[in-house]
Amino acid sequence: MAVKHELENSLLLDDDGRTRRTGTLWSCIAHIITAVIGSGVLSLAWSVAQLGWIAGPVAMLCFAIVTYVSVVLLSDCYRYPDPVTGTRNYSYMDAVRVNLGKTQTCLCGLFQYLFMYGICTAYVITTSTSMSAIRRSNCYHEKGHNAPCEYVYTPYMLIFGAVQIVTSQIPDFHSIEWLSVLAAIMSFAYSLIGFGLGLATVIENGMIKGSITGAPAATRAKKLWIL
């Protein structure tokens, strides 16, 4: 019985005593696509147009290289000290602690939470702005472009914040299968929307427009920061 119990545990648990992971190559690819491709891809065409046909692709290549190097470094830090048989690090801070020490872990945690705070703030502002823009667009269609269709963002910020608070209380939120599938579908949808709008614009214009140096700007500073 003891041998049978140990055998069952070995089938259910990983080599580190945690629940055995059931991910596959396809689920890994889906999670990578979900993490890399977000709604920002919708503004990719505009960003490349601002930079031009030389700086735009070069910038994309540089970001791809940075992403690749980051992935390689994180993969090497997943197990410690041996990259194959060492103890797994289940979080970024765990990897920093075993490789760089306690002081660097505190700094890492500080910057990580500041980054998360900035990301959450940006999403709240972007969501409220988008919801207000949709309402304003509907108002213009119903009452004309001369109608006073201005709406405040505060109610939408509060609504989105409340939704975030409620959903953050769901246990094992990161393990919900249908949520991962939905996120992967949304990533593909963003890409298809961007591709479709770009193709429609090319068909409408009858040619691929753009310039070597990108969109003109009043000063070099505005060009640098794309203002």
Protein backbone atom coordinates (compact mmCIF):
# COMPACT_ATOMS: atom_id res chain seq x y z
CA MET A 1 0.00 0.00 0.00
CA ALA A 2 2.82 2.38 0.85
CA VAL A 3 4.50 1.65 -2.47
CA LYS A 4 1.22 2.20 -4.30
CA HIS A 5 0.66 5.48 -2.48
CA GLU A 6 4.15 6.70 -3.36
CA LEU A 7 3.59 5.71 -6.99
CA GLU A 8 0.32 7.67 -7.12
CA ASN A 9 2.04 10.70 -5.59
CA SER A 10 4.83 10.49 -8.14
CA LEU A 11 2.26 10.59 -10.91
CA LEU A 12 0.41 13.57 -9.39
CA LEU A 13 3.38 15.58 -8.12
CA ASP A 14 6.41 17.04 -9.83
CA ASP A 15 10.00 16.46 -8.77
CA ASP A 16 9.75 19.48 -6.45
CA GLY A 17 6.66 18.23 -4.63
CA ARG A 18 4.17 20.52 -6.35
CA THR A 19 1.23 19.55 -8.55
CA ARG A 20 2.49 18.13 -11.83
CA ARG A 21 2.19 20.58 -14.69
CA THR A 22 0.11 19.48 -17.66
CA GLY A 23 1.19 22.07 -20.20
CA THR A 24 2.08 21.12 -23.76
CA LEU A 25 4.01 22.77 -26.57
CA TRP A 26 0.79 24.23 -27.97
CA SER A 27 -0.30 25.67 -24.63
CA CYS A 28 3.18 27.18 -24.26
CA ILE A 29 2.92 28.79 -27.71
CA ALA A 30 -0.56 30.12 -26.86
CA HIS A 31 0.69 31.71 -23.63
CA ILE A 32 3.66 33.29 -25.42
CA ILE A 33 1.36 34.77 -28.07
CA THR A 34 -0.94 36.06 -25.34
CA ALA A 35 1.95 37.67 -23.46
CA VAL A 36 3.68 39.22 -26.49
CA ILE A 37 0.74 40.32 -28.64
CA GLY A 38 -1.59 42.78 -26.95
CA SER A 39 -3.81 45.68 -27.95
CA GLY A 40 -0.67 47.74 -28.59
CA VAL A 41 -0.29 45.93 -31.91
CA LEU A 42 -3.20 48.04 -33.20
CA SER A 43 -1.00 51.15 -33.06
CA LEU A 44 2.03 49.39 -34.58
CA ALA A 45 1.29 50.57 -38.11
CA TRP A 46 0.98 54.19 -36.94
CA SER A 47 4.24 53.95 -34.97
CA VAL A 48 6.16 52.53 -37.94
CA ALA A 49 4.68 55.23 -40.17
CA GLN A 50 5.94 57.90 -37.78
CA LEU A 51 9.47 56.47 -37.82
CA GLY A 52 9.66 55.73 -41.53
CA TRP A 53 10.65 52.71 -43.61
CA ILE A 54 14.19 52.62 -42.18
CA ALA A 55 13.91 53.48 -38.48
CA GLY A 56 10.58 51.65 -38.10
CA PRO A 57 11.75 48.13 -39.08
CA VAL A 58 15.10 48.71 -37.30
CA ALA A 59 13.25 49.60 -34.08
CA MET A 60 11.09 46.47 -34.39
CA LEU A 61 14.20 44.34 -34.92
CA CYS A 62 15.89 45.86 -31.86
CA PHE A 63 12.86 45.16 -29.67
CA ALA A 64 12.74 41.59 -31.01
CA ILE A 65 16.40 41.10 -30.05
CA VAL A 66 15.78 42.50 -26.56
CA THR A 67 12.78 40.17 -26.16
CA TYR A 68 14.83 37.16 -27.29
CA VAL A 69 17.71 37.93 -24.92
CA SER A 70 15.24 38.42 -22.04
CA VAL A 71 13.61 35.06 -22.77
CA VAL A 72 16.99 33.29 -22.84
CA LEU A 73 18.02 34.86 -19.52
CA LEU A 74 14.72 33.98 -17.84
CA SER A 75 14.94 30.41 -19.15
CA ASP A 76 18.45 30.04 -17.70
CA CYS A 77 17.23 31.37 -14.34
CA TYR A 78 14.22 29.04 -14.11
CA ARG A 79 16.23 26.35 -12.27
CA TYR A 80 19.05 26.94 -9.82
CA PRO A 81 21.88 26.04 -9.51
CA ASP A 82 21.67 23.50 -12.34
CA PRO A 83 19.60 24.63 -15.36
CA VAL A 84 18.14 21.11 -15.79
CA THR A 85 17.89 19.46 -12.38
CA GLY A 86 18.06 22.45 -10.01
CA THR A 87 15.27 23.84 -7.85
CA ARG A 88 12.59 25.67 -9.79
CA ASN A 89 12.06 29.42 -9.33
CA TYR A 90 8.34 30.07 -9.61
CA SER A 91 8.57 33.86 -9.67
CA TYR A 92 10.88 36.54 -10.96
CA MET A 93 11.78 37.57 -7.42
CA ASP A 94 12.72 33.98 -6.55
CA ALA A 95 15.16 33.93 -9.46
CA VAL A 96 16.65 37.26 -8.37
CA ARG A 97 17.00 36.08 -4.75
CA VAL A 98 18.93 32.88 -5.53
CA ASN A 99 21.15 34.55 -8.14
CA LEU A 100 21.76 38.07 -6.82
CA GLY A 101 20.94 38.03 -3.11
CA LYS A 102 18.48 39.61 -0.68
CA THR A 103 19.34 43.28 -1.36
CA GLN A 104 18.77 42.95 -5.09
CA THR A 105 15.54 41.07 -4.37
CA CYS A 106 14.20 44.05 -2.38
CA LEU A 107 15.11 46.42 -5.21
CA CYS A 108 13.58 44.05 -7.73
CA GLY A 109 10.34 43.89 -5.73
CA LEU A 110 10.21 47.68 -5.47
CA PHE A 111 10.64 48.21 -9.22
CA GLN A 112 8.33 45.32 -10.06
CA TYR A 113 5.46 46.71 -7.99
CA LEU A 114 6.07 50.23 -9.30
CA PHE A 115 5.88 48.83 -12.81
CA MET A 116 2.66 46.97 -12.02
CA TYR A 117 1.20 50.15 -10.52
CA GLY A 118 2.09 52.10 -13.66
CA ILE A 119 0.64 49.41 -15.94
CA CYS A 120 -2.62 49.25 -13.98
CA THR A 121 -2.93 53.04 -13.99
CA ALA A 122 -2.32 53.16 -17.74
CA TYR A 123 -4.97 50.49 -18.35
CA VAL A 124 -7.53 52.33 -16.24
CA ILE A 125 -6.91 55.60 -18.12
CA THR A 126 -6.87 53.89 -21.53
CA THR A 127 -10.06 51.96 -20.82
CA SER A 128 -11.97 55.00 -19.58
CA THR A 129 -10.75 57.04 -22.56
CA SER A 130 -11.83 54.31 -24.99
CA MET A 131 -15.27 53.91 -23.39
CA SER A 132 -15.79 57.66 -23.47
CA ALA A 133 -14.67 57.78 -27.12
CA ILE A 134 -17.21 55.08 -28.05
CA ARG A 135 -20.00 57.00 -26.32
CA ARG A 136 -18.88 60.23 -27.99
CA SER A 137 -18.82 58.55 -31.40
CA ASN A 138 -22.37 57.24 -30.92
CA CYS A 139 -23.45 60.73 -29.88
CA TYR A 140 -21.98 62.26 -33.05
CA HIS A 141 -23.75 59.67 -35.21
CA GLU A 142 -27.09 60.39 -33.54
CA LYS A 143 -26.93 64.19 -33.10
CA GLY A 144 -24.34 65.33 -35.64
CA HIS A 145 -20.73 66.45 -35.31
CA ASN A 146 -21.72 69.88 -33.97
CA ALA A 147 -23.43 68.41 -30.91
CA PRO A 148 -21.81 68.93 -27.47
CA CYS A 149 -20.73 65.30 -27.01
CA GLU A 150 -18.21 65.57 -24.20
CA TYR A 151 -18.18 63.08 -21.36
CA VAL A 152 -16.08 62.81 -18.22
CA TYR A 153 -13.80 59.82 -17.69
CA THR A 154 -14.26 59.41 -13.92
CA PRO A 155 -17.34 57.09 -13.94
CA TYR A 156 -15.63 54.72 -16.39
CA MET A 157 -12.48 54.69 -14.27
CA LEU A 158 -14.55 53.73 -11.22
CA ILE A 159 -16.41 51.02 -13.13
CA PHE A 160 -13.24 49.48 -14.54
CA GLY A 161 -11.53 49.68 -11.14
CA ALA A 162 -14.47 47.93 -9.48
CA VAL A 163 -14.37 45.15 -12.09
CA GLN A 164 -10.64 44.70 -11.46
CA ILE A 165 -11.17 44.45 -7.69
CA VAL A 166 -13.93 41.84 -8.10
CA THR A 167 -12.07 39.67 -10.63
CA SER A 168 -8.85 39.82 -8.60
CA GLN A 169 -10.62 37.94 -5.79
CA ILE A 170 -11.26 34.86 -7.97
CA PRO A 171 -9.08 32.01 -6.62
CA ASP A 172 -6.52 30.54 -9.05
CA PHE A 173 -7.47 33.19 -11.60
CA HIS A 174 -4.30 32.47 -13.57
CA SER A 175 -5.25 28.79 -13.92
CA ILE A 176 -8.66 29.27 -15.54
CA GLU A 177 -8.46 27.41 -18.85
CA TRP A 178 -11.17 29.26 -20.74
CA LEU A 179 -9.60 32.58 -19.77
CA SER A 180 -6.30 31.57 -21.35
CA VAL A 181 -8.12 30.48 -24.51
CA LEU A 182 -10.01 33.78 -24.63
CA ALA A 183 -6.78 35.75 -24.17
CA ALA A 184 -5.13 33.86 -27.04
CA ILE A 185 -8.15 34.48 -29.28
CA MET A 186 -8.06 38.19 -28.43
CA SER A 187 -4.36 38.34 -29.34
CA PHE A 188 -5.09 36.84 -32.76
CA ALA A 189 -8.07 39.20 -33.10
CA TYR A 190 -5.86 42.24 -32.45
CA SER A 191 -3.44 41.08 -35.14
CA LEU A 192 -6.19 40.38 -37.66
CA ILE A 193 -7.86 43.74 -36.98
CA GLY A 194 -4.56 45.57 -37.50
CA PHE A 195 -3.79 43.60 -40.66
CA GLY A 196 -7.31 44.09 -42.01
CA LEU A 197 -7.31 47.85 -41.45
CA GLY A 198 -3.87 48.17 -43.04
CA LEU A 199 -4.89 46.10 -46.07
CA ALA A 200 -8.13 48.08 -46.45
CA THR A 201 -6.17 51.36 -46.38
CA VAL A 202 -3.76 50.11 -49.04
CA ILE A 203 -6.67 49.01 -51.26
CA GLU A 204 -8.41 52.35 -50.75
CA ASN A 205 -5.27 54.34 -51.63
CA GLY A 206 -4.31 52.04 -54.47
CA MET A 207 -0.71 51.95 -53.25
CA ILE A 208 1.49 51.49 -50.18
CA LYS A 209 2.25 54.94 -48.81
CA GLY A 210 4.97 56.08 -46.45
CA SER A 211 8.36 57.72 -46.53
CA ILE A 212 11.96 56.93 -45.66
CA THR A 213 12.14 59.41 -42.79
CA GLY A 214 8.56 59.03 -41.54
CA ALA A 215 6.01 61.68 -40.66
CA PRO A 216 7.34 65.26 -40.44
CA ALA A 217 7.55 67.02 -37.08
CA ALA A 218 8.06 70.65 -36.02
CA THR A 219 11.21 69.94 -33.98
CA ARG A 220 13.65 67.09 -33.48
CA ALA A 221 12.45 66.68 -29.91
CA LYS A 222 8.86 66.13 -31.06
CA LYS A 223 10.11 63.72 -33.70
CA LEU A 224 12.13 61.79 -31.09
CA TRP A 225 9.21 61.46 -28.69
CA ILE A 226 6.57 61.23 -31.48
CA LEU A 227 4.52 64.11 -30.13
